[in-house]
C-alpha atoms as a PDB file:
ATOM      1  CA  MET A   1     123.749 109.655 115.106  1.00  0.00           C
ATOM      2  CA  PHE A   2     122.954 109.248 111.391  1.00  0.00           C
ATOM      3  CA  LYS A   3     122.730 105.446 111.754  1.00  0.00           C
ATOM      4  CA  LEU A   4     120.424 105.806 114.765  1.00  0.00           C
ATOM      5  CA  ARG A   5     118.073 108.104 112.868  1.00  0.00           C
ATOM      6  CA  PHE A   6     118.149 105.804 109.822  1.00  0.00           C
ATOM      7  CA  TRP A   7     117.128 102.750 111.831  1.00  0.00           C
ATOM      8  CA  SER A   8     114.467 104.749 113.682  1.00  0.00           C
ATOM      9  CA  VAL A   9     112.940 105.875 110.399  1.00  0.00           C
ATOM     10  CA  LEU A  10     113.150 102.349 108.995  1.00  0.00           C
ATOM     11  CA  SER A  11     111.473 100.881 112.089  1.00  0.00           C
ATOM     12  CA  LEU A  12     108.692 103.468 111.901  1.00  0.00           C
ATOM     13  CA  SER A  13     108.158 102.702 108.224  1.00  0.00           C
ATOM     14  CA  LEU A  14     107.941  98.970 108.906  1.00  0.00           C
ATOM     15  CA  CYS A  15     105.457  99.535 111.745  1.00  0.00           C
ATOM     16  CA  LEU A  16     103.250 101.679 109.513  1.00  0.00           C
ATOM     17  CA  THR A  17     103.381  98.994 106.804  1.00  0.00           C
ATOM     18  CA  CYS A  18     102.329  96.358 109.336  1.00  0.00           C
ATOM     19  CA  LEU A  19      99.464  98.499 110.579  1.00  0.00           C
ATOM     20  CA  ALA A  20      98.263  99.097 107.028  1.00  0.00           C
ATOM     21  CA  ALA A  21      98.360  95.366 106.293  1.00  0.00           C
ATOM     22  CA  GLN A  22      96.400  94.617 109.456  1.00  0.00           C
ATOM     23  CA  ALA A  23      93.802  97.221 108.513  1.00  0.00           C
ATOM     24  CA  GLN A  24      93.305  95.534 105.124  1.00  0.00           C
ATOM     25  CA  THR A  25      93.018  92.031 106.599  1.00  0.00           C
ATOM     26  CA  PRO A  26      89.334  91.251 107.218  1.00  0.00           C
ATOM     27  CA  ARG A  27      88.630  90.451 110.825  1.00  0.00           C
ATOM     28  CA  PRO A  28      85.943  88.025 111.922  1.00  0.00           C
ATOM     29  CA  ARG A  29      82.829  89.515 113.427  1.00  0.00           C
ATOM     30  CA  PRO A  30      82.580  89.334 117.213  1.00  0.00           C
ATOM     31  CA  GLY A  31      81.509  85.842 118.180  1.00  0.00           C
ATOM     32  CA  SER A  32      82.512  84.239 114.871  1.00  0.00           C
ATOM     33  CA  SER A  33      85.571  82.215 113.962  1.00  0.00           C
ATOM     34  CA  PRO A  34      87.897  82.889 111.005  1.00  0.00           C
ATOM     35  CA  GLY A  35      86.313  79.927 109.182  1.00  0.00           C
ATOM     36  CA  ALA A  36      82.718  81.002 109.784  1.00  0.00           C
ATOM     37  CA  THR A  37      82.211  81.917 106.124  1.00  0.00           C
ATOM     38  CA  SER A  38      83.739  78.648 104.868  1.00  0.00           C
ATOM     39  CA  PRO A  39      82.057  75.765 106.718  1.00  0.00           C
ATOM     40  CA  ASP A  40      82.459  72.193 105.529  1.00  0.00           C
ATOM     41  CA  PRO A  41      79.987  71.760 102.628  1.00  0.00           C
ATOM     42  CA  ASN A  42      79.281  68.240 103.895  1.00  0.00           C
ATOM     43  CA  MET A  43      78.760  69.112 107.558  1.00  0.00           C
ATOM     44  CA  PRO A  44      75.717  67.400 109.105  1.00  0.00           C
ATOM     45  CA  ARG A  45      72.566  69.439 109.563  1.00  0.00           C
ATOM     46  CA  PRO A  46      72.212  69.924 113.347  1.00  0.00           C
ATOM     47  CA  ILE A  47      68.411  70.374 113.472  1.00  0.00           C
ATOM     48  CA  ASP A  48      65.315  69.175 111.633  1.00  0.00           C
ATOM     49  CA  ALA A  49      64.489  70.928 108.370  1.00  0.00           C
ATOM     50  CA  ARG A  50      61.654  73.408 108.147  1.00  0.00           C
ATOM     51  CA  ASP A  51      58.728  72.559 105.885  1.00  0.00           C
ATOM     52  CA  SER A  52      58.962  75.406 103.365  1.00  0.00           C
ATOM     53  CA  VAL A  53      59.354  75.517  99.597  1.00  0.00           C
ATOM     54  CA  PHE A  54      60.847  79.021  99.606  1.00  0.00           C
ATOM     55  CA  ILE A  55      64.630  79.054  99.313  1.00  0.00           C
ATOM     56  CA  GLU A  56      64.924  82.359 101.179  1.00  0.00           C
ATOM     57  CA  GLU A  57      63.191  80.787 104.197  1.00  0.00           C
ATOM     58  CA  LEU A  58      65.546  77.798 104.307  1.00  0.00           C
ATOM     59  CA  THR A  59      69.083  77.462 105.629  1.00  0.00           C
ATOM     60  CA  TRP A  60      71.804  76.491 103.175  1.00  0.00           C
ATOM     61  CA  LEU A  61      71.892  73.060 104.825  1.00  0.00           C
ATOM     62  CA  GLU A  62      68.163  72.627 104.299  1.00  0.00           C
ATOM     63  CA  VAL A  63      68.512  73.581 100.628  1.00  0.00           C
ATOM     64  CA  ARG A  64      71.473  71.232 100.210  1.00  0.00           C
ATOM     65  CA  ASP A  65      69.632  68.303 101.756  1.00  0.00           C
ATOM     66  CA  ALA A  66      66.452  69.043  99.791  1.00  0.00           C
ATOM     67  CA  ILE A  67      68.422  68.886  96.548  1.00  0.00           C
ATOM     68  CA  ARG A  68      70.107  65.664  97.648  1.00  0.00           C
ATOM     69  CA  ALA A  69      66.682  64.247  98.461  1.00  0.00           C
ATOM     70  CA  GLY A  70      65.472  64.915  94.917  1.00  0.00           C
ATOM     71  CA  LYS A  71      64.082  68.448  94.980  1.00  0.00           C
ATOM     72  CA  THR A  72      66.007  69.415  91.875  1.00  0.00           C
ATOM     73  CA  THR A  73      63.465  71.731  90.223  1.00  0.00           C
ATOM     74  CA  ALA A  74      63.746  75.458  90.933  1.00  0.00           C
ATOM     75  CA  ILE A  75      61.026  77.990  90.121  1.00  0.00           C
ATOM     76  CA  ILE A  76      61.961  81.562  89.211  1.00  0.00           C
ATOM     77  CA  ALA A  77      58.849  83.757  89.306  1.00  0.00           C
ATOM     78  CA  THR A  78      58.716  87.377  88.151  1.00  0.00           C
ATOM     79  CA  GLY A  79      56.185  89.872  89.489  1.00  0.00           C
ATOM     80  CA  GLY A  80      56.481  93.657  89.505  1.00  0.00           C
ATOM     81  CA  ILE A  81      56.091  96.926  91.379  1.00  0.00           C
ATOM     82  CA  GLU A  82      53.509  98.955  89.509  1.00  0.00           C
ATOM     83  CA  MET A  83      50.412 101.114  89.432  1.00  0.00           C
ATOM     84  CA  ASN A  84      47.308  99.027  89.988  1.00  0.00           C
ATOM     85  CA  GLY A  85      43.717  99.820  90.880  1.00  0.00           C
ATOM     86  CA  PRO A  86      43.033 102.484  93.543  1.00  0.00           C
ATOM     87  CA  TYR A  87      42.768  99.819  96.242  1.00  0.00           C
ATOM     88  CA  LEU A  88      45.669  97.466  95.479  1.00  0.00           C
ATOM     89  CA  ALA A  89      49.249  97.524  96.791  1.00  0.00           C
ATOM     90  CA  THR A  90      51.903  98.113  94.140  1.00  0.00           C
ATOM     91  CA  GLY A  91      53.315  94.632  94.809  1.00  0.00           C
ATOM     92  CA  LYS A  92      50.133  92.984  93.504  1.00  0.00           C
ATOM     93  CA  HIS A  93      51.884  90.428  91.301  1.00  0.00           C
ATOM     94  CA  ASN A  94      54.393  89.527  94.010  1.00  0.00           C
ATOM     95  CA  TYR A  95      51.639  88.815  96.536  1.00  0.00           C
ATOM     96  CA  ILE A  96      49.814  86.615  94.064  1.00  0.00           C
ATOM     97  CA  LEU A  97      53.005  84.723  93.264  1.00  0.00           C
ATOM     98  CA  ARG A  98      53.546  84.069  96.933  1.00  0.00           C
ATOM     99  CA  ALA A  99      50.388  81.943  96.835  1.00  0.00           C
ATOM    100  CA  THR A 100      50.661  80.409  93.366  1.00  0.00           C
ATOM    101  CA  THR A 101      54.341  79.437  93.515  1.00  0.00           C
ATOM    102  CA  GLU A 102      53.871  77.593  96.805  1.00  0.00           C
ATOM    103  CA  ALA A 103      50.892  75.715  95.358  1.00  0.00           C
ATOM    104  CA  ILE A 104      52.880  74.858  92.211  1.00  0.00           C
ATOM    105  CA  ALA A 105      55.939  73.678  94.138  1.00  0.00           C
ATOM    106  CA  ARG A 106      53.912  71.503  96.489  1.00  0.00           C
ATOM    107  CA  LYS A 107      51.953  69.953  93.632  1.00  0.00           C
ATOM    108  CA  LEU A 108      55.193  69.162  91.788  1.00  0.00           C
ATOM    109  CA  GLY A 109      56.646  67.653  94.942  1.00  0.00           C
ATOM    110  CA  ASP A 110      60.265  68.077  93.834  1.00  0.00           C
ATOM    111  CA  ALA A 111      60.555  71.861  93.593  1.00  0.00           C
ATOM    112  CA  LEU A 112      61.781  74.862  95.542  1.00  0.00           C
ATOM    113  CA  VAL A 113      60.998  78.520  94.828  1.00  0.00           C
ATOM    114  CA  ALA A 114      63.646  81.197  94.347  1.00  0.00           C
ATOM    115  CA  PRO A 115      62.958  84.670  95.803  1.00  0.00           C
ATOM    116  CA  ILE A 116      60.257  86.308  93.683  1.00  0.00           C
ATOM    117  CA  VAL A 117      61.761  88.850  91.278  1.00  0.00           C
ATOM    118  CA  PRO A 118      59.962  92.181  91.899  1.00  0.00           C
ATOM    119  CA  PHE A 119      61.962  94.324  89.476  1.00  0.00           C
ATOM    120  CA  VAL A 120      60.728  93.973  85.902  1.00  0.00           C
ATOM    121  CA  PRO A 121      60.150  96.219  82.862  1.00  0.00           C
ATOM    122  CA  GLU A 122      57.294  98.610  83.735  1.00  0.00           C
ATOM    123  CA  GLY A 123      57.930 101.245  81.051  1.00  0.00           C
ATOM    124  CA  ASP A 124      60.613 103.755  80.161  1.00  0.00           C
ATOM    125  CA  ILE A 125      62.082 105.653  83.100  1.00  0.00           C
ATOM    126  CA  ASP A 126      63.014 108.978  81.491  1.00  0.00           C
ATOM    127  CA  PRO A 127      60.754 110.192  80.074  1.00  0.00           C
ATOM    128  CA  PRO A 128      58.294 107.958  81.927  1.00  0.00           C
ATOM    129  CA  THR A 129      55.963 105.715  79.939  1.00  0.00           C
ATOM    130  CA  GLY A 130      53.547 102.944  80.854  1.00  0.00           C
ATOM    131  CA  HIS A 131      53.238 102.280  84.585  1.00  0.00           C
ATOM    132  CA  MET A 132      56.190 104.580  85.218  1.00  0.00           C
ATOM    133  CA  ARG A 133      53.842 107.544  84.749  1.00  0.00           C
ATOM    134  CA  TYR A 134      52.498 106.798  88.235  1.00  0.00           C
ATOM    135  CA  PRO A 135      54.234 107.052  91.646  1.00  0.00           C
ATOM    136  CA  GLY A 136      55.336 103.810  93.267  1.00  0.00           C
ATOM    137  CA  SER A 137      56.233 102.001  90.050  1.00  0.00           C
ATOM    138  CA  ILE A 138      59.803 100.742  89.645  1.00  0.00           C
ATOM    139  CA  SER A 139      61.134  99.708  86.255  1.00  0.00           C
ATOM    140  CA  VAL A 140      64.248  98.110  84.827  1.00  0.00           C
ATOM    141  CA  SER A 141      65.318  97.892  81.202  1.00  0.00           C
ATOM    142  CA  GLN A 142      64.673  94.728  79.242  1.00  0.00           C
ATOM    143  CA  ASP A 143      68.437  94.154  79.135  1.00  0.00           C
ATOM    144  CA  THR A 144      68.779  94.492  82.920  1.00  0.00           C
ATOM    145  CA  PHE A 145      65.803  92.174  83.432  1.00  0.00           C
ATOM    146  CA  LYS A 146      67.269  89.501  81.183  1.00  0.00           C
ATOM    147  CA  ARG A 147      70.722  89.738  82.753  1.00  0.00           C
ATOM    148  CA  LEU A 148      69.198  89.427  86.218  1.00  0.00           C
ATOM    149  CA  LEU A 149      67.210  86.343  85.225  1.00  0.00           C
ATOM    150  CA  ALA A 150      70.251  84.778  83.565  1.00  0.00           C
ATOM    151  CA  ASP A 151      72.361  85.259  86.695  1.00  0.00           C
ATOM    152  CA  ILE A 152      69.649  83.883  88.990  1.00  0.00           C
ATOM    153  CA  ALA A 153      69.161  80.844  86.757  1.00  0.00           C
ATOM    154  CA  SER A 154      72.908  80.262  86.496  1.00  0.00           C
ATOM    155  CA  SER A 155      73.241  80.462  90.285  1.00  0.00           C
ATOM    156  CA  LEU A 156      70.555  77.816  90.728  1.00  0.00           C
ATOM    157  CA  ARG A 157      72.285  75.628  88.160  1.00  0.00           C
ATOM    158  CA  ALA A 158      75.523  75.982  90.136  1.00  0.00           C
ATOM    159  CA  ASN A 159      73.601  74.963  93.277  1.00  0.00           C
ATOM    160  CA  GLY A 160      72.734  71.648  91.658  1.00  0.00           C
ATOM    161  CA  PHE A 161      69.178  72.174  90.399  1.00  0.00           C
ATOM    162  CA  LYS A 162      68.499  70.201  87.227  1.00  0.00           C
ATOM    163  CA  HIS A 163      65.349  71.928  85.948  1.00  0.00           C
ATOM    164  CA  ILE A 164      64.844  75.675  86.204  1.00  0.00           C
ATOM    165  CA  ILE A 165      61.351  77.014  85.557  1.00  0.00           C
ATOM    166  CA  LEU A 166      60.507  80.577  84.502  1.00  0.00           C
ATOM    167  CA  ILE A 167      56.999  81.929  85.115  1.00  0.00           C
ATOM    168  CA  GLY A 168      55.702  85.494  85.231  1.00  0.00           C
ATOM    169  CA  ASP A 169      52.523  87.064  86.578  1.00  0.00           C
ATOM    170  CA  SER A 170      52.688  90.195  84.412  1.00  0.00           C
ATOM    171  CA  GLY A 171      52.404  90.652  80.655  1.00  0.00           C
ATOM    172  CA  GLY A 172      55.555  92.742  80.275  1.00  0.00           C
ATOM    173  CA  ASN A 173      57.683  89.941  81.715  1.00  0.00           C
ATOM    174  CA  GLN A 174      56.859  87.224  79.201  1.00  0.00           C
ATOM    175  CA  GLN A 175      59.111  88.072  76.248  1.00  0.00           C
ATOM    176  CA  GLY A 176      62.228  88.564  78.373  1.00  0.00           C
ATOM    177  CA  MET A 177      61.740  85.230  80.122  1.00  0.00           C
ATOM    178  CA  LYS A 178      61.185  83.475  76.818  1.00  0.00           C
ATOM    179  CA  GLU A 179      64.393  84.943  75.392  1.00  0.00           C
ATOM    180  CA  VAL A 180      66.460  84.076  78.478  1.00  0.00           C
ATOM    181  CA  ALA A 181      65.244  80.485  78.374  1.00  0.00           C
ATOM    182  CA  ALA A 182      66.198  80.212  74.722  1.00  0.00           C
ATOM    183  CA  GLU A 183      69.603  81.854  75.187  1.00  0.00           C
ATOM    184  CA  LEU A 184      70.600  79.763  78.191  1.00  0.00           C
ATOM    185  CA  SER A 185      69.338  76.573  76.552  1.00  0.00           C
ATOM    186  CA  SER A 186      71.778  77.190  73.702  1.00  0.00           C
ATOM    187  CA  LYS A 187      74.639  77.685  76.193  1.00  0.00           C
ATOM    188  CA  TRP A 188      73.874  74.895  78.640  1.00  0.00           C
ATOM    189  CA  THR A 189      74.971  71.988  76.481  1.00  0.00           C
ATOM    190  CA  ASP A 190      76.692  69.880  79.148  1.00  0.00           C
ATOM    191  CA  GLY A 191      73.464  68.289  80.392  1.00  0.00           C
ATOM    192  CA  ARG A 192      73.817  69.581  83.972  1.00  0.00           C
ATOM    193  CA  ALA A 193      70.550  71.505  83.858  1.00  0.00           C
ATOM    194  CA  LYS A 194      67.732  72.583  81.592  1.00  0.00           C
ATOM    195  CA  ILE A 195      65.677  75.778  81.677  1.00  0.00           C
ATOM    196  CA  HIS A 196      62.004  76.044  80.709  1.00  0.00           C
ATOM    197  CA  PHE A 197      59.776  79.067  80.141  1.00  0.00           C
ATOM    198  CA  ILE A 198      56.147  78.216  80.971  1.00  0.00           C
ATOM    199  CA  PRO A 199      53.765  80.690  79.261  1.00  0.00           C
ATOM    200  CA  GLU A 200      50.710  78.701  80.362  1.00  0.00           C
ATOM    201  CA  TYR A 201      50.968  80.199  83.840  1.00  0.00           C
ATOM    202  CA  TYR A 202      50.088  83.682  82.563  1.00  0.00           C
ATOM    203  CA  ASP A 203      46.535  83.147  81.339  1.00  0.00           C
ATOM    204  CA  TYR A 204      44.254  85.681  82.991  1.00  0.00           C
ATOM    205  CA  PRO A 205      41.618  85.351  80.228  1.00  0.00           C
ATOM    206  CA  GLY A 206      41.485  81.660  81.104  1.00  0.00           C
ATOM    207  CA  LEU A 207      41.097  82.535  84.772  1.00  0.00           C
ATOM    208  CA  THR A 208      38.227  84.880  83.932  1.00  0.00           C
ATOM    209  CA  LYS A 209      36.439  82.081  82.066  1.00  0.00           C
ATOM    210  CA  TRP A 210      37.011  79.727  84.978  1.00  0.00           C
ATOM    211  CA  LEU A 211      35.568  82.298  87.403  1.00  0.00           C
ATOM    212  CA  GLU A 212      32.527  82.650  85.150  1.00  0.00           C
ATOM    213  CA  SER A 213      32.070  78.884  85.421  1.00  0.00           C
ATOM    214  CA  GLN A 214      32.015  79.425  89.192  1.00  0.00           C
ATOM    215  CA  GLY A 215      29.235  82.002  88.888  1.00  0.00           C
ATOM    216  CA  VAL A 216      31.367  85.179  88.971  1.00  0.00           C
ATOM    217  CA  ARG A 217      30.162  87.750  86.429  1.00  0.00           C
ATOM    218  CA  GLU A 218      32.053  91.050  86.179  1.00  0.00           C
ATOM    219  CA  VAL A 219      31.367  94.408  84.525  1.00  0.00           C
ATOM    220  CA  ASP A 220      34.588  96.280  83.751  1.00  0.00           C
ATOM    221  CA  GLU A 221      34.799  99.452  85.868  1.00  0.00           C
ATOM    222  CA  GLY A 222      37.979 100.656  84.196  1.00  0.00           C
ATOM    223  CA  HIS A 223      40.394  99.786  86.996  1.00  0.00           C
ATOM    224  CA  HIS A 224      43.669  97.869  86.749  1.00  0.00           C
ATOM    225  CA  ASP A 225      42.042  95.302  88.997  1.00  0.00           C
ATOM    226  CA  ASP A 226      39.441  92.539  88.905  1.00  0.00           C
ATOM    227  CA  TYR A 227      37.794  89.950  91.132  1.00  0.00           C
ATOM    228  CA  GLY A 228      40.301  87.183  90.387  1.00  0.00           C
ATOM    229  CA  ILE A 229      43.292  89.361  91.201  1.00  0.00           C
ATOM    230  CA  THR A 230      41.742  90.711  94.404  1.00  0.00           C
ATOM    231  CA  ALA A 231      40.680  87.246  95.588  1.00  0.00           C
ATOM    232  CA  GLN A 232      44.175  85.820  95.086  1.00  0.00           C
ATOM    233  CA  MET A 233      45.760  88.732  96.949  1.00  0.00           C
ATOM    234  CA  MET A 234      43.351  88.265  99.844  1.00  0.00           C
ATOM    235  CA  VAL A 235      44.551  84.690 100.228  1.00  0.00           C
ATOM    236  CA  VAL A 236      47.946  86.111 101.194  1.00  0.00           C
ATOM    237  CA  ASP A 237      46.889  89.267 103.048  1.00  0.00           C
ATOM    238  CA  PRO A 238      43.535  91.115 102.922  1.00  0.00           C
ATOM    239  CA  ASN A 239      45.373  94.314 103.868  1.00  0.00           C
ATOM    240  CA  THR A 240      46.960  94.378 100.411  1.00  0.00           C
ATOM    241  CA  VAL A 241      43.539  95.143  98.912  1.00  0.00           C
ATOM    242  CA  ARG A 242      42.651  97.615 101.714  1.00  0.00           C
ATOM    243  CA  MET A 243      39.743  95.509 102.921  1.00  0.00           C
ATOM    244  CA  LYS A 244      39.001  97.423 106.139  1.00  0.00           C
ATOM    245  CA  GLU A 245      39.382 100.840 104.531  1.00  0.00           C
ATOM    246  CA  ARG A 246      37.061  99.900 101.673  1.00  0.00           C
ATOM    247  CA  MET A 247      34.468  98.497 104.057  1.00  0.00           C
ATOM    248  CA  ALA A 248      34.494 101.779 105.951  1.00  0.00           C
ATOM    249  CA  LYS A 249      33.734 103.670 102.717  1.00  0.00           C
ATOM    250  CA  GLY A 250      31.239 101.177 101.318  1.00  0.00           C
ATOM    251  CA  LYS A 251      33.570 100.253  98.431  1.00  0.00           C
ATOM    252  CA  PHE A 252      34.286  96.607  99.150  1.00  0.00           C
ATOM    253  CA  SER A 253      33.467  95.375  95.658  1.00  0.00           C
ATOM    254  CA  ILE A 254      35.130  95.273  92.246  1.00  0.00           C
ATOM    255  CA  ASN A 255      33.624  95.245  88.779  1.00  0.00           C
ATOM    256  CA  GLY A 256      30.152  94.956  90.259  1.00  0.00           C
ATOM    257  CA  VAL A 257      31.021  91.885  92.340  1.00  0.00           C
ATOM    258  CA  LYS A 258      30.749  92.116  96.129  1.00  0.00           C
ATOM    259  CA  LEU A 259      33.827  91.010  98.071  1.00  0.00           C
ATOM    260  CA  ALA A 260      31.953  90.513 101.344  1.00  0.00           C
ATOM    261  CA  PRO A 261      31.839  88.224 103.136  1.00  0.00           C
ATOM    262  CA  ALA A 262      35.652  88.178 103.051  1.00  0.00           C
ATOM    263  CA  ASN A 263      35.954  84.488 103.906  1.00  0.00           C
ATOM    264  CA  LYS A 264      33.910  83.603 100.815  1.00  0.00           C
ATOM    265  CA  THR A 265      36.184  85.679  98.565  1.00  0.00           C
ATOM    266  CA  ILE A 266      39.298  84.205 100.169  1.00  0.00           C
ATOM    267  CA  GLU A 267      37.971  80.701  99.599  1.00  0.00           C
ATOM    268  CA  MET A 268      37.352  81.558  95.941  1.00  0.00           C
ATOM    269  CA  GLY A 269      40.880  82.967  95.822  1.00  0.00           C
ATOM    270  CA  ARG A 270      42.273  79.678  97.098  1.00  0.00           C
ATOM    271  CA  LYS A 271      40.369  77.812  94.418  1.00  0.00           C
ATOM    272  CA  ALA A 272      41.718  80.216  91.780  1.00  0.00           C
ATOM    273  CA  VAL A 273      45.264  79.631  93.033  1.00  0.00           C
ATOM    274  CA  GLU A 274      44.750  75.868  92.837  1.00  0.00           C
ATOM    275  CA  TYR A 275      43.264  76.191  89.357  1.00  0.00           C
ATOM    276  CA  ARG A 276      46.255  78.153  88.082  1.00  0.00           C
ATOM    277  CA  ALA A 277      48.707  75.850  89.847  1.00  0.00           C
ATOM    278  CA  GLY A 278      47.125  72.790  88.256  1.00  0.00           C
ATOM    279  CA  ILE A 279      47.452  74.189  84.743  1.00  0.00           C
ATOM    280  CA  THR A 280      51.036  75.277  85.375  1.00  0.00           C
ATOM    281  CA  VAL A 281      52.137  71.972  86.885  1.00  0.00           C
ATOM    282  CA  GLU A 282      50.747  70.104  83.897  1.00  0.00           C
ATOM    283  CA  ALA A 283      52.697  72.407  81.543  1.00  0.00           C
ATOM    284  CA  ILE A 284      55.902  72.058  83.593  1.00  0.00           C
ATOM    285  CA  ARG A 285      55.721  68.274  83.594  1.00  0.00           C
ATOM    286  CA  LYS A 286      55.134  68.276  79.859  1.00  0.00           C
ATOM    287  CA  ALA A 287      58.100  70.585  79.270  1.00  0.00           C
ATOM    288  CA  ILE A 288      60.397  68.472  81.441  1.00  0.00           C
ATOM    289  CA  ALA A 289      59.273  65.264  79.741  1.00  0.00           C
ATOM    290  CA  GLN A 290      60.183  66.704  76.364  1.00  0.00           C
END
């Protein structure tokens, strides 16, 4: 009787151990094979590639083949989530970068764009300072920002990109990007990749002068907004500047400049995007040549 109970207990214990092991073993999702997360890195791409410069819009096969075809420059752009004028979405910088980074990448011809980084230093969180005094703003510390950029850049280097470009559409982003570029440059000594911070991209005074050359004259109304910013955002989506709502209230202007007709402002926005892209591409090519 004792032996029977012993073996019964032992069998139960072994069964429980097996069940626990099975519970810890990851099971494939329904419809996927055990090797679904480890495909052959050299498998052929089964369909034509999409014409996009944004990495997040491409499949891993499309990114792989783009790199193999010579698209070995990666652009990391930093935007922000912050208080802006009373008419602008908090993602102002991210919307603008959606337009400018595509123009830059296509002008370069050998570049892809990493997902735009929306989380940047916007002020102290507790107690709130800077943009953090207003609802909707999201901030990270300078240390967090730099670590994030370093990890993104290192990931792109591991992917096989040879030149990694840092640009930012907001003033608070510039110093962190500059420091990350310098720190990684000192570490990346094996020649696999180089990183470049391009300050020339962030030149809103230069954009203002260019707009003046196009006949745009502004009078500061005290908003965190201006014609150039609004026009660039409208290129991506007029809803981000609340076009319809402003028209309904008779407020479709900024700094004394009328925004109607919308198609005229959007066309000026496209020209502004091209202007900024041209300056940035020239600076990138110069940095890479050096």
